[in-house]
């Protein structure tokens, strides 16, 4: 049990948690940010700019009072959870968590995909608010309503928010760091902020969006079941007249909403729209028991359909109290239609498994995400049993593949020695025994790649032992050249041997001296390369006459290491 804190600054109205922790750091006099993190959370620094920062429970343990009460108070007063809670989603068929378990709801935000959460993580400050707060409370601070995704200005002062120093443009917020302004100077240029208002011209729509987001945060609504939320949106869209036959015309409503709000404004608020991802920009579908919409689109649609956050809250309460839920056909099917939908989704998964019996659960999620989501929620037993058998087939297929690779590895290693021996013992003009020539002689082609080296370790180990070094190949070329010179009745000299064999002069001299070969005497007898090489102790892995004095490779480019050092010194 960690020791209780002697003090922790109470939250100012609408103050973000990162602001409270940063003020504590200044008031405590700690020398480093890490010391403050350890005092408050018992761990090294981490990001406090998230929608609901992690490890709030660790801080709540150190505050006076009950843990659950402290966690709920921090979530309610210092995080953006109240603005997100209505959209987190809870199925109306299962009981929602009790209000004192906000800890679990806060954790739910961090597990939602980024395209559902929206933009977050950039600390934004209103200079006029900081000036007013200093006069009223004795210190300026960071308002959490300014940190809501998509908010670009302060609805109170109608002033653009800033996220970096106006003087040097150094960002206020950094990973695992606390904030130093507006209480102190900029971390980079050491100048204090001028808290005078900027007096910039702002858009009325941006002001309306910021006000709607601020008011929604203050409403502190409970979680709204996704079926009720979706039904509310659909009824409002239907009331606007966007209907095609018996269904709402979501595409026409989207076009009208974009035209009404204006593309420049929406691009500022919604990152997906700014990247022209508008084909399914508005979608009323489920994702992890929540509507598949980011917070910015919830706010835009709520502002457009309901006008104010208070009106939105009233509509939710009226819908819940009346129990009048008109869900879309797919969400309010009868038992028979539910079975039809189940059978349809089962057929999709079965069809995929017939195409590829080795499909795993992860691959099916990638190929049929919505089908898998429905089955996971409504037909999980069948899904697990069916895909588990598929996973077993995948394991069997993998085992068979490994077994086949092992067989090829052993057979290939056996063939390597035979192929390399035949290449080495050819009586015509010598050809160097290389990896490519060895592999070309195998019954089943195998490419020389890093992946295949791991896949066939015995085969490539045999190749490394059987491939011919440049020194061995040079020795064979010299013996062949002696035979050719005698056949053409040419004089046996070092120069002629070099020309005929294409081996460097120094290498020819060293090999002849090492093997004790006399060119004229050899030419008078029948040259047996295999016998002569064996007597000289030369094998395919021969490293040369003297590894200490000679280079690793023979040929026309050969120079001794001593000569190479002299050239480099020059």
Protein backbone atom coordinates (compact mmCIF):
# COMPACT_ATOMS: atom_id res chain seq x y z
CA UNK A 1 0.00 0.00 0.00
CA UNK A 2 1.68 3.28 -1.08
CA UNK A 3 2.00 6.13 1.40
CA UNK A 4 -0.65 8.87 1.29
CA UNK A 5 0.30 12.18 -0.30
CA UNK A 6 0.69 15.12 2.07
CA UNK A 7 -1.07 17.31 -0.48
CA UNK A 8 -2.30 17.28 -4.07
CA UNK A 9 -3.76 20.42 -5.64
CA UNK A 10 -7.55 20.28 -6.00
CA UNK A 11 -8.90 20.67 -9.51
CA UNK A 12 -9.78 24.15 -10.71
CA UNK A 13 -12.97 24.33 -12.80
CA UNK A 14 -12.48 22.40 -16.05
CA UNK A 15 -8.81 21.68 -15.30
CA UNK A 16 -7.11 18.78 -17.10
CA UNK A 17 -5.23 16.13 -15.11
CA UNK A 18 -1.91 16.94 -16.79
CA UNK A 19 -2.34 20.51 -15.56
CA UNK A 20 -2.93 19.36 -11.96
CA UNK A 21 0.10 17.07 -12.04
CA UNK A 22 2.27 19.83 -13.56
CA UNK A 23 1.13 22.28 -10.85
CA UNK A 24 1.97 19.69 -8.21
CA UNK A 25 5.45 19.39 -9.73
CA UNK A 26 6.00 23.14 -9.41
CA UNK A 27 4.55 23.36 -5.90
CA UNK A 28 6.48 20.33 -4.60
CA UNK A 29 9.82 21.68 -5.81
CA UNK A 30 10.89 18.36 -7.33
CA UNK A 31 13.99 18.70 -9.46
CA UNK A 32 12.91 16.34 -12.24
CA UNK A 33 9.67 15.28 -13.87
CA UNK A 34 10.52 11.65 -13.14
CA UNK A 35 10.57 12.33 -9.39
CA UNK A 36 7.03 13.69 -9.62
CA UNK A 37 5.81 10.73 -11.67
CA UNK A 38 7.25 8.30 -9.11
CA UNK A 39 5.71 10.21 -6.18
CA UNK A 40 2.23 10.32 -7.73
CA UNK A 41 2.06 7.14 -9.79
CA UNK A 42 4.88 4.93 -8.52
CA UNK A 43 6.41 4.57 -11.98
CA UNK A 44 8.54 6.35 -14.58
CA UNK A 45 7.09 9.01 -16.84
CA UNK A 46 4.30 8.26 -19.30
CA UNK A 47 1.88 10.23 -21.47
CA UNK A 48 -0.73 12.29 -19.62
CA UNK A 49 -2.24 13.77 -22.76
CA UNK A 50 -4.57 10.85 -23.54
CA UNK A 51 -8.35 11.08 -23.37
CA UNK A 52 -8.19 9.17 -20.08
CA UNK A 53 -4.56 8.95 -18.90
CA UNK A 54 -3.42 5.52 -17.63
CA UNK A 55 -2.54 4.61 -14.02
CA UNK A 56 -5.16 6.91 -12.47
CA UNK A 57 -5.83 4.16 -9.92
CA UNK A 58 -2.23 4.48 -8.66
CA UNK A 59 -2.76 8.19 -8.02
CA UNK A 60 -6.15 7.55 -6.40
CA UNK A 61 -4.52 5.13 -3.91
CA UNK A 62 -2.28 7.93 -2.68
CA UNK A 63 -5.12 10.43 -2.12
CA UNK A 64 -7.21 10.59 1.07
CA UNK A 65 -10.52 8.72 0.92
CA UNK A 66 -11.84 5.61 -0.85
CA UNK A 67 -10.19 4.35 -4.01
CA UNK A 68 -13.39 4.08 -6.09
CA UNK A 69 -14.55 7.54 -5.02
CA UNK A 70 -11.18 9.08 -5.88
CA UNK A 71 -11.04 7.39 -9.30
CA UNK A 72 -14.58 8.52 -10.14
CA UNK A 73 -13.79 12.10 -9.03
CA UNK A 74 -10.63 12.27 -11.16
CA UNK A 75 -12.48 10.92 -14.20
CA UNK A 76 -15.35 13.34 -13.68
CA UNK A 77 -13.35 16.48 -12.89
CA UNK A 78 -10.03 16.13 -14.72
CA UNK A 79 -10.40 13.90 -17.79
CA UNK A 80 -12.38 13.91 -21.03
CA UNK A 81 -14.30 10.79 -20.07
CA UNK A 82 -17.60 12.68 -19.51
CA UNK A 83 -17.49 13.84 -23.15
CA UNK A 84 -16.68 10.34 -24.41
CA UNK A 85 -18.91 8.30 -22.11
CA UNK A 86 -22.17 8.72 -24.12
CA UNK A 87 -20.45 7.23 -27.19
CA UNK A 88 -18.47 4.38 -25.62
CA UNK A 89 -21.44 2.08 -26.12
CA UNK A 90 -23.04 -0.62 -24.03
CA UNK A 91 -25.37 -3.20 -25.46
CA UNK A 92 -28.95 -2.69 -24.31
CA UNK A 93 -29.26 -6.47 -23.96
CA UNK A 94 -26.69 -6.63 -21.17
CA UNK A 95 -26.61 -4.67 -17.93
CA UNK A 96 -24.43 -1.60 -18.00
CA UNK A 97 -21.76 -1.16 -15.32
CA UNK A 98 -22.61 0.70 -12.17
CA UNK A 99 -21.77 4.35 -11.96
CA UNK A 100 -19.08 3.82 -9.33
CA UNK A 101 -17.08 1.65 -11.76
CA UNK A 102 -16.00 4.49 -14.00
CA UNK A 103 -12.54 3.02 -13.82
CA UNK A 104 -13.61 0.36 -16.31
CA UNK A 105 -15.21 2.92 -18.64
CA UNK A 106 -12.05 4.98 -18.62
CA UNK A 107 -10.02 1.95 -19.58
CA UNK A 108 -12.45 1.36 -22.45
CA UNK A 109 -11.43 4.59 -24.17
CA UNK A 110 -7.80 3.55 -24.41
CA UNK A 111 -8.79 0.25 -26.05
CA UNK A 112 -10.90 1.82 -28.79
CA UNK A 113 -9.19 2.09 -32.21
CA UNK A 114 -7.71 5.46 -33.06
CA UNK A 115 -10.26 6.05 -35.83
CA UNK A 116 -13.00 5.82 -33.16
CA UNK A 117 -11.27 7.94 -30.51
CA UNK A 118 -10.17 10.62 -32.96
CA UNK A 119 -7.37 13.14 -32.49
CA UNK A 120 -5.73 13.48 -29.08
CA UNK A 121 -2.42 14.05 -27.34
CA UNK A 122 -1.66 17.71 -28.21
CA UNK A 123 -1.91 20.17 -25.30
CA UNK A 124 -3.81 23.32 -26.33
CA UNK A 125 -3.90 26.59 -24.38
CA UNK A 126 -6.02 29.74 -24.48
CA UNK A 127 -3.90 32.75 -23.46
CA UNK A 128 -6.93 34.78 -22.38
CA UNK A 129 -8.17 31.93 -20.18
CA UNK A 130 -4.73 31.67 -18.58
CA UNK A 131 -4.83 35.42 -17.86
CA UNK A 132 -8.37 35.28 -16.40
CA UNK A 133 -7.59 32.19 -14.33
CA UNK A 134 -4.52 33.85 -12.86
CA UNK A 135 -6.61 36.79 -11.71
CA UNK A 136 -9.48 34.64 -10.39
CA UNK A 137 -7.69 31.57 -8.98
CA UNK A 138 -4.14 32.79 -8.54
CA UNK A 139 -2.72 30.61 -11.30
CA UNK A 140 -3.40 29.92 -14.94
CA UNK A 141 -4.03 26.35 -16.01
CA UNK A 142 -4.95 24.06 -18.90
CA UNK A 143 -8.67 23.59 -19.58
CA UNK A 144 -9.74 20.07 -20.47
CA UNK A 145 -12.54 21.32 -22.76
CA UNK A 146 -9.81 22.82 -24.95
CA UNK A 147 -8.27 19.34 -25.33
CA UNK A 148 -11.38 17.72 -26.87
CA UNK A 149 -10.53 16.39 -30.35
CA UNK A 150 -11.40 18.85 -33.10
CA UNK A 151 -11.60 21.92 -30.84
CA UNK A 152 -9.41 24.67 -32.29
CA UNK A 153 -10.45 27.74 -30.26
CA UNK A 154 -11.86 28.87 -26.93
CA UNK A 155 -15.64 29.28 -27.06
CA UNK A 156 -15.55 31.80 -24.16
CA UNK A 157 -13.02 34.25 -25.61
CA UNK A 158 -13.44 33.17 -29.25
CA UNK A 159 -9.69 33.02 -29.48
CA UNK A 160 -7.56 30.45 -31.31
CA UNK A 161 -5.82 27.89 -29.10
CA UNK A 162 -2.06 27.50 -29.26
CA UNK A 163 -0.03 24.34 -28.78
CA UNK A 164 3.49 25.76 -29.11
CA UNK A 165 5.48 28.76 -27.95
CA UNK A 166 4.51 31.85 -30.01
CA UNK A 167 8.14 32.97 -29.95
CA UNK A 168 10.12 29.84 -30.93
CA UNK A 169 7.29 27.43 -31.92
CA UNK A 170 8.58 24.81 -29.46
CA UNK A 171 5.65 22.41 -28.66
CA UNK A 172 4.27 22.67 -25.14
CA UNK A 173 3.74 18.93 -24.71
CA UNK A 174 6.32 16.19 -25.09
CA UNK A 175 6.23 12.47 -24.44
CA UNK A 176 6.70 11.55 -20.77
CA UNK A 177 7.18 15.22 -19.82
CA UNK A 178 5.15 17.66 -17.72
CA UNK A 179 4.08 21.15 -18.77
CA UNK A 180 6.07 24.22 -17.77
CA UNK A 181 3.77 26.96 -19.10
CA UNK A 182 1.83 29.12 -18.39
CA UNK A 183 3.44 29.18 -14.91
CA UNK A 184 7.04 29.33 -16.10
CA UNK A 185 9.03 30.23 -19.18
CA UNK A 186 9.27 28.26 -22.40
CA UNK A 187 11.52 25.23 -22.06
CA UNK A 188 13.40 26.15 -25.24
CA UNK A 189 13.64 29.96 -25.58
CA UNK A 190 13.22 30.73 -21.83
CA UNK A 191 10.65 33.46 -22.53
CA UNK A 192 7.38 33.78 -20.64
CA UNK A 193 4.08 33.81 -22.48
CA UNK A 194 2.35 37.08 -23.19
CA UNK A 195 -1.13 36.33 -21.85
CA UNK A 196 -2.78 39.16 -23.75
CA UNK A 197 -5.59 38.14 -26.09
CA UNK A 198 -4.66 37.61 -29.72
CA UNK A 199 -7.71 39.25 -31.27
CA UNK A 200 -7.82 36.91 -34.27
CA UNK A 201 -10.79 36.49 -36.58
CA UNK A 202 -12.39 33.10 -36.00
CA UNK A 203 -15.10 31.06 -37.69
CA UNK A 204 -18.58 30.99 -36.17
CA UNK A 205 -18.77 27.26 -36.86
CA UNK A 206 -15.56 26.66 -34.94
CA UNK A 207 -17.02 28.63 -32.02
CA UNK A 208 -20.26 26.61 -32.17
CA UNK A 209 -18.34 23.32 -32.25
CA UNK A 210 -16.15 24.33 -29.30
CA UNK A 211 -19.23 25.43 -27.32
CA UNK A 212 -21.08 22.18 -28.09
CA UNK A 213 -18.03 20.13 -27.00
CA UNK A 214 -17.62 22.22 -23.83
CA UNK A 215 -21.31 21.89 -22.90
CA UNK A 216 -21.32 18.15 -23.58
CA UNK A 217 -18.39 17.76 -21.18
CA UNK A 218 -20.33 19.65 -18.49
CA UNK A 219 -23.48 17.56 -19.03
CA UNK A 220 -21.60 14.53 -17.62
CA UNK A 221 -24.00 12.09 -19.31
CA UNK A 222 -24.17 8.39 -18.59
CA UNK A 223 -23.25 5.83 -21.21
CA UNK A 224 -25.86 5.57 -23.97
CA UNK A 225 -26.56 2.10 -25.41
CA UNK A 226 -25.49 2.10 -29.07
CA UNK A 227 -28.90 0.94 -30.29
CA UNK A 228 -30.58 3.97 -28.68
CA UNK A 229 -27.90 6.33 -29.98
CA UNK A 230 -28.15 4.94 -33.50
CA UNK A 231 -31.94 5.11 -33.40
CA UNK A 232 -31.82 8.77 -32.31
CA UNK A 233 -29.57 9.68 -35.21
CA UNK A 234 -31.76 7.78 -37.65
CA UNK A 235 -34.99 9.38 -36.40
CA UNK A 236 -33.50 12.87 -36.66
CA UNK A 237 -32.25 12.13 -40.16
CA UNK A 238 -35.66 10.75 -41.08
CA UNK A 239 -37.34 13.89 -39.72
CA UNK A 240 -35.10 15.98 -41.99
CA UNK A 241 -36.62 14.11 -44.94
CA UNK A 242 -33.63 12.02 -45.98
CA UNK A 243 -35.53 8.81 -46.70
CA UNK A 244 -35.39 6.37 -49.59
CA UNK A 245 -38.27 3.90 -49.58
CA UNK A 246 -38.39 2.63 -45.98
CA UNK A 247 -34.74 3.34 -45.16
CA UNK A 248 -32.90 6.56 -44.37
CA UNK A 249 -30.79 8.01 -47.15
CA UNK A 250 -27.53 8.37 -45.25
CA UNK A 251 -25.53 9.31 -48.35
CA UNK A 252 -27.79 12.27 -49.18
CA UNK A 253 -27.75 13.38 -45.55
CA UNK A 254 -23.95 13.25 -45.52
CA UNK A 255 -23.75 15.42 -48.65
CA UNK A 256 -26.21 17.92 -47.19
CA UNK A 257 -24.37 18.04 -43.86
CA UNK A 258 -21.02 18.63 -45.58
CA UNK A 259 -22.56 21.39 -47.69
CA UNK A 260 -24.18 22.99 -44.63
CA UNK A 261 -21.07 22.95 -42.43
CA UNK A 262 -18.60 23.57 -45.23
CA UNK A 263 -15.60 21.50 -46.21
CA UNK A 264 -12.96 23.95 -44.84
CA UNK A 265 -14.46 23.74 -41.34
CA UNK A 266 -14.85 19.95 -41.39
CA UNK A 267 -11.26 19.52 -42.59
CA UNK A 268 -10.07 21.42 -39.51
CA UNK A 269 -12.11 19.22 -37.19
CA UNK A 270 -11.91 15.75 -38.73
CA UNK A 271 -8.53 14.27 -39.84
CA UNK A 272 -10.09 11.57 -42.04
CA UNK A 273 -12.08 14.16 -43.98
CA UNK A 274 -8.93 16.24 -44.49
CA UNK A 275 -7.39 13.17 -46.17
CA UNK A 276 -10.44 12.87 -48.49
CA UNK A 277 -11.63 9.62 -46.87
CA UNK A 278 -15.31 10.41 -47.39
CA UNK A 279 -16.77 7.32 -49.06
CA UNK A 280 -18.12 5.99 -45.73
CA UNK A 281 -17.48 9.06 -43.65
CA UNK A 282 -20.85 8.76 -41.84
CA UNK A 283 -21.66 5.16 -40.97
CA UNK A 284 -24.14 3.90 -38.42
CA UNK A 285 -22.67 0.48 -37.71
CA UNK A 286 -21.30 -1.35 -34.68
CA UNK A 287 -17.68 -1.80 -33.72
CA UNK A 288 -16.95 -3.52 -30.38
CA UNK A 289 -20.51 -2.76 -29.16
CA UNK A 290 -20.16 0.93 -30.03
CA UNK A 291 -21.02 2.97 -33.09
CA UNK A 292 -18.17 3.02 -35.59
CA UNK A 293 -17.68 6.78 -35.48
CA UNK A 294 -14.87 8.88 -33.97
CA UNK A 295 -15.71 11.48 -31.34
CA UNK A 296 -15.28 14.34 -33.83
CA UNK A 297 -18.03 12.95 -36.08
CA UNK A 298 -20.34 12.36 -33.10
CA UNK A 299 -19.90 16.01 -32.14
CA UNK A 300 -20.36 17.28 -35.70
CA UNK A 301 -23.50 15.22 -36.24
CA UNK A 302 -24.87 16.07 -32.78
CA UNK A 303 -24.29 19.79 -33.33
CA UNK A 304 -25.94 19.57 -36.77
CA UNK A 305 -28.93 17.46 -35.68
CA UNK A 306 -29.62 18.64 -32.10
CA UNK A 307 -28.16 22.14 -31.97
CA UNK A 308 -27.03 22.10 -28.32
CA UNK A 309 -25.58 19.51 -25.95
CA UNK A 310 -28.50 20.10 -23.57
CA UNK A 311 -31.02 19.26 -26.31
CA UNK A 312 -29.02 16.15 -27.18
CA UNK A 313 -29.14 15.06 -23.50
CA UNK A 314 -32.91 15.67 -23.33
CA UNK A 315 -33.49 13.59 -26.46
CA UNK A 316 -31.48 10.71 -25.00
CA UNK A 317 -33.45 10.80 -21.74
CA UNK A 318 -36.77 10.94 -23.55
CA UNK A 319 -35.83 7.98 -25.74
CA UNK A 320 -34.71 5.91 -22.76
CA UNK A 321 -37.75 6.78 -20.64
CA UNK A 322 -40.27 6.12 -23.38
CA UNK A 323 -38.59 2.90 -24.43
CA UNK A 324 -39.50 3.74 -28.05
CA UNK A 325 -36.57 2.21 -29.91
CA UNK A 326 -36.94 1.93 -33.66
CA UNK A 327 -33.74 0.19 -34.63
CA UNK A 328 -32.70 -0.50 -38.17
CA UNK A 329 -33.84 -3.83 -39.53
CA UNK A 330 -30.55 -5.55 -38.92
CA UNK A 331 -30.50 -4.57 -35.25
CA UNK A 332 -34.19 -5.35 -34.42
CA UNK A 333 -34.81 -8.57 -36.22
CA UNK A 334 -37.22 -11.20 -35.01
CA UNK A 335 -35.92 -14.51 -33.74
CA UNK A 336 -36.46 -16.06 -37.17
CA UNK A 337 -34.62 -13.29 -38.98
CA UNK A 338 -31.81 -13.51 -36.42
CA UNK A 339 -31.45 -17.17 -37.39
CA UNK A 340 -31.39 -16.22 -41.06
CA UNK A 341 -28.65 -13.70 -40.40
CA UNK A 342 -26.73 -16.25 -38.34
CA UNK A 343 -26.98 -18.81 -41.14
CA UNK A 344 -25.82 -16.24 -43.68
CA UNK A 345 -22.75 -15.34 -41.64
CA UNK A 346 -21.99 -18.97 -40.90
CA UNK A 347 -22.05 -19.70 -44.63
CA UNK A 348 -19.56 -16.88 -45.27
CA UNK A 349 -17.09 -18.29 -42.74
CA UNK A 350 -17.63 -21.85 -43.97
CA UNK A 351 -17.03 -20.71 -47.55
CA UNK A 352 -13.76 -19.04 -46.55
CA UNK A 353 -12.64 -22.19 -44.75
CA UNK A 354 -13.49 -24.32 -47.79
CA UNK A 355 -11.27 -22.09 -49.95
CA UNK A 356 -8.46 -22.30 -47.41
CA UNK A 357 -8.93 -24.86 -44.59
CA UNK A 358 -5.81 -23.56 -42.84
CA UNK A 359 -7.28 -20.09 -42.12
CA UNK A 360 -6.74 -18.99 -38.52
CA UNK A 361 -8.98 -16.76 -36.42
CA UNK A 362 -6.67 -13.77 -37.01
CA UNK A 363 -6.80 -14.17 -40.79
CA UNK A 364 -10.59 -14.49 -40.75
CA UNK A 365 -10.86 -11.24 -38.80
CA UNK A 366 -8.87 -9.53 -41.55
CA UNK A 367 -10.96 -11.01 -44.37
CA UNK A 368 -14.49 -10.85 -42.83
CA UNK A 369 -14.36 -8.27 -40.05
CA UNK A 370 -18.08 -7.45 -39.79
CA UNK A 371 -19.16 -11.08 -40.15
CA UNK A 372 -16.69 -12.11 -37.47
CA UNK A 373 -17.83 -9.28 -35.19
CA UNK A 374 -21.48 -10.40 -35.40
CA UNK A 375 -20.64 -14.08 -34.85
CA UNK A 376 -18.28 -13.22 -31.99
CA UNK A 377 -21.12 -11.44 -30.20
CA UNK A 378 -24.08 -13.69 -31.10
CA UNK A 379 -22.69 -17.10 -32.10
CA UNK A 380 -19.34 -17.34 -30.35
CA UNK A 381 -19.51 -21.07 -29.53
CA UNK A 382 -20.01 -22.09 -33.15
CA UNK A 383 -17.30 -19.67 -34.28
CA UNK A 384 -14.72 -21.01 -31.83
CA UNK A 385 -15.50 -24.65 -32.62
CA UNK A 386 -15.40 -24.09 -36.38
CA UNK A 387 -12.26 -21.98 -36.52
CA UNK A 388 -10.47 -24.18 -33.97
CA UNK A 389 -10.79 -27.09 -36.36
CA UNK A 390 -9.41 -24.82 -39.06
CA UNK A 391 -6.49 -23.95 -36.79
CA UNK A 392 -5.88 -27.67 -36.29
CA UNK A 393 -5.82 -28.13 -40.05
CA UNK A 394 -3.40 -25.23 -40.31
CA UNK A 395 -1.17 -26.86 -37.70
CA UNK A 396 -1.35 -30.17 -39.59
CA UNK A 397 -0.50 -28.42 -42.85
CA UNK A 398 2.43 -26.69 -41.16
CA UNK A 399 3.64 -29.99 -39.70
CA UNK A 400 3.40 -31.63 -43.14
CA UNK A 401 5.35 -28.76 -44.67
CA UNK A 402 8.06 -29.07 -42.02
CA UNK A 403 8.24 -32.81 -42.59
CA UNK A 404 8.59 -32.31 -46.35
CA UNK A 405 11.29 -29.70 -45.82
CA UNK A 406 13.22 -32.06 -43.53
CA UNK A 407 13.06 -34.83 -46.12
CA UNK A 408 14.26 -32.49 -48.88
CA UNK A 409 16.98 -31.18 -46.58
CA UNK A 410 18.38 -34.66 -45.90
CA UNK A 411 18.06 -35.85 -49.52
CA UNK A 412 19.56 -32.61 -50.83
CA UNK A 413 22.54 -32.88 -48.49
CA UNK A 414 23.16 -36.41 -49.83
CA UNK A 415 22.97 -35.23 -53.44
CA UNK A 416 25.35 -32.31 -52.84
CA UNK A 417 28.40 -34.55 -52.41
CA UNK A 418 27.64 -36.50 -55.58
CA UNK A 419 26.97 -33.41 -57.70
CA UNK A 420 30.06 -31.56 -56.48
CA UNK A 421 32.25 -34.66 -56.96
CA UNK A 422 31.15 -35.04 -60.60
CA UNK A 423 31.83 -31.37 -61.28
CA UNK A 424 35.25 -31.62 -59.63
CA UNK A 425 36.32 -34.71 -61.55
CA UNK A 426 35.41 -33.50 -65.05
CA UNK A 427 38.32 -34.15 -67.45
CA UNK A 428 37.76 -31.26 -69.84
CA UNK A 429 38.48 -27.60 -69.15
CA UNK A 430 38.03 -27.04 -65.38
CA UNK A 431 34.91 -25.28 -64.17
CA UNK A 432 34.87 -23.98 -60.63
CA UNK A 433 32.49 -25.84 -58.30
CA UNK A 434 30.24 -22.97 -57.17
CA UNK A 435 27.03 -22.82 -55.17
CA UNK A 436 24.94 -22.07 -58.26
CA UNK A 437 26.39 -25.05 -60.19
CA UNK A 438 25.80 -27.37 -57.25
CA UNK A 439 22.20 -26.20 -56.80
CA UNK A 440 21.54 -26.55 -60.53
CA UNK A 441 22.44 -30.24 -60.30
CA UNK A 442 19.88 -31.05 -57.58
CA UNK A 443 16.76 -33.01 -58.44
CA UNK A 444 14.57 -30.24 -56.97
CA UNK A 445 15.70 -26.62 -57.56
CA UNK A 446 16.49 -24.66 -54.39
CA UNK A 447 17.39 -20.97 -54.50
CA UNK A 448 20.29 -19.67 -52.44
CA UNK A 449 18.46 -17.25 -50.13
CA UNK A 450 18.66 -16.40 -46.45
CA UNK A 451 15.22 -17.94 -45.92
CA UNK A 452 16.20 -21.20 -47.58
CA UNK A 453 19.40 -21.37 -45.53
CA UNK A 454 17.23 -21.45 -42.40
CA UNK A 455 14.75 -23.82 -44.04
CA UNK A 456 17.38 -26.35 -45.28
CA UNK A 457 20.32 -26.15 -42.83
CA UNK A 458 21.84 -29.57 -43.70
CA UNK A 459 21.74 -28.91 -47.44
CA UNK A 460 23.54 -25.57 -47.24
CA UNK A 461 26.01 -26.86 -44.66
CA UNK A 462 26.95 -29.55 -47.20
CA UNK A 463 27.29 -26.90 -49.91
CA UNK A 464 29.67 -24.86 -47.74
CA UNK A 465 31.83 -27.96 -47.33
CA UNK A 466 31.72 -28.98 -51.01
CA UNK A 467 32.05 -25.70 -52.85
CA UNK A 468 35.51 -25.05 -54.29
CA UNK A 469 37.84 -22.32 -53.09
CA UNK A 470 39.59 -20.04 -55.55
CA UNK A 471 42.97 -21.54 -54.57
CA UNK A 472 41.89 -25.11 -55.35
CA UNK A 473 40.38 -23.97 -58.65
CA UNK A 474 43.65 -22.18 -59.53
CA UNK A 475 45.64 -25.37 -58.88
CA UNK A 476 43.36 -27.34 -61.21
CA UNK A 477 43.64 -24.65 -63.87
CA UNK A 478 47.45 -24.85 -63.70
CA UNK A 479 47.41 -28.65 -64.24
CA UNK A 480 45.01 -28.24 -67.15
CA UNK A 481 47.23 -25.49 -68.65
CA UNK A 482 50.30 -27.77 -68.48
CA UNK A 483 48.45 -30.41 -70.44
CA UNK A 484 47.28 -27.87 -73.02
CA UNK A 485 50.78 -26.43 -73.48
CA UNK A 486 52.18 -29.91 -74.10
CA UNK A 487 49.35 -30.72 -76.51
CA UNK A 488 50.09 -27.60 -78.57
CA UNK A 489 53.87 -28.18 -78.18
CA UNK A 490 54.43 -24.82 -76.56
CA UNK A 491 57.31 -24.00 -74.23
CA UNK A 492 56.62 -24.68 -70.54
CA UNK A 493 57.29 -21.33 -68.85
CA UNK A 494 55.65 -19.42 -66.03
CA UNK A 495 54.45 -16.80 -68.50
CA UNK A 496 52.78 -19.37 -70.79
CA UNK A 497 51.17 -21.12 -67.80
CA UNK A 498 49.77 -17.75 -66.65
CA UNK A 499 48.39 -16.95 -70.09
CA UNK A 500 46.82 -20.38 -70.60
CA UNK A 501 45.44 -20.86 -67.09
CA UNK A 502 44.35 -17.23 -66.44
CA UNK A 503 45.88 -17.48 -62.95
CA UNK A 504 48.03 -14.65 -61.58
CA UNK A 505 51.82 -14.94 -61.85
CA UNK A 506 52.46 -14.80 -58.10
CA UNK A 507 49.79 -17.40 -57.43
CA UNK A 508 51.23 -19.75 -60.11
CA UNK A 509 54.70 -19.48 -58.57
CA UNK A 510 53.43 -20.12 -55.04
CA UNK A 511 51.27 -23.11 -56.04
CA UNK A 512 54.05 -24.77 -58.09
CA UNK A 513 56.50 -24.25 -55.24
CA UNK A 514 54.01 -25.53 -52.62
CA UNK A 515 53.11 -28.67 -54.61
CA UNK A 516 56.64 -29.35 -55.91
CA UNK A 517 55.40 -29.53 -59.49
CA UNK A 518 57.96 -29.25 -62.28
CA UNK A 519 56.24 -28.12 -65.44
CA UNK A 520 58.53 -29.80 -67.96
CA UNK A 521 58.59 -33.13 -66.13
CA UNK A 522 54.82 -33.16 -65.70
CA UNK A 523 54.23 -32.40 -69.35
CA UNK A 524 56.21 -35.51 -70.35
CA UNK A 525 53.82 -37.76 -68.40
CA UNK A 526 50.09 -38.25 -68.39
CA UNK A 527 48.69 -35.63 -66.03
CA UNK A 528 46.18 -37.04 -63.57
CA UNK A 529 44.73 -33.97 -61.77
CA UNK A 530 42.90 -36.01 -59.12
CA UNK A 531 46.07 -37.96 -58.17
CA UNK A 532 48.37 -34.92 -58.23
CA UNK A 533 46.01 -32.83 -56.12
CA UNK A 534 45.63 -35.65 -53.59
CA UNK A 535 49.43 -36.06 -53.29
CA UNK A 536 49.79 -32.31 -52.70
CA UNK A 537 47.05 -32.39 -50.04
CA UNK A 538 44.78 -30.08 -52.01
CA UNK A 539 41.05 -30.48 -51.47
CA UNK A 540 38.08 -28.38 -52.53
CA UNK A 541 38.35 -26.39 -49.28
CA UNK A 542 42.09 -25.67 -49.66
CA UNK A 543 42.83 -22.16 -48.36
CA UNK A 544 46.12 -21.65 -50.24
CA UNK A 545 49.85 -22.22 -49.67
CA UNK A 546 50.07 -19.95 -46.61
CA UNK A 547 47.10 -18.08 -45.17
CA UNK A 548 49.42 -15.85 -43.15
CA UNK A 549 51.27 -14.46 -46.17
CA UNK A 550 48.90 -14.80 -49.10
CA UNK A 551 45.51 -13.35 -49.91
CA UNK A 552 42.36 -15.44 -49.79
CA UNK A 553 41.77 -15.53 -53.57
CA UNK A 554 43.93 -16.38 -56.57
CA UNK A 555 43.63 -15.00 -60.09
CA UNK A 556 44.90 -11.99 -61.98
CA UNK A 557 43.81 -9.65 -59.22
CA UNK A 558 45.90 -11.47 -56.63
CA UNK A 559 48.46 -9.50 -54.59
CA UNK A 560 50.07 -10.43 -51.31
CA UNK A 561 48.94 -8.69 -48.16
CA UNK A 562 52.35 -7.09 -47.74
CA UNK A 563 52.18 -5.55 -51.22
CA UNK A 564 48.64 -4.30 -50.54
CA UNK A 565 49.81 -2.54 -47.36
CA UNK A 566 52.63 -0.80 -49.24
CA UNK A 567 50.21 0.47 -51.90
CA UNK A 568 47.85 1.80 -49.22
CA UNK A 569 50.76 3.52 -47.46
CA UNK A 570 51.76 5.25 -50.69
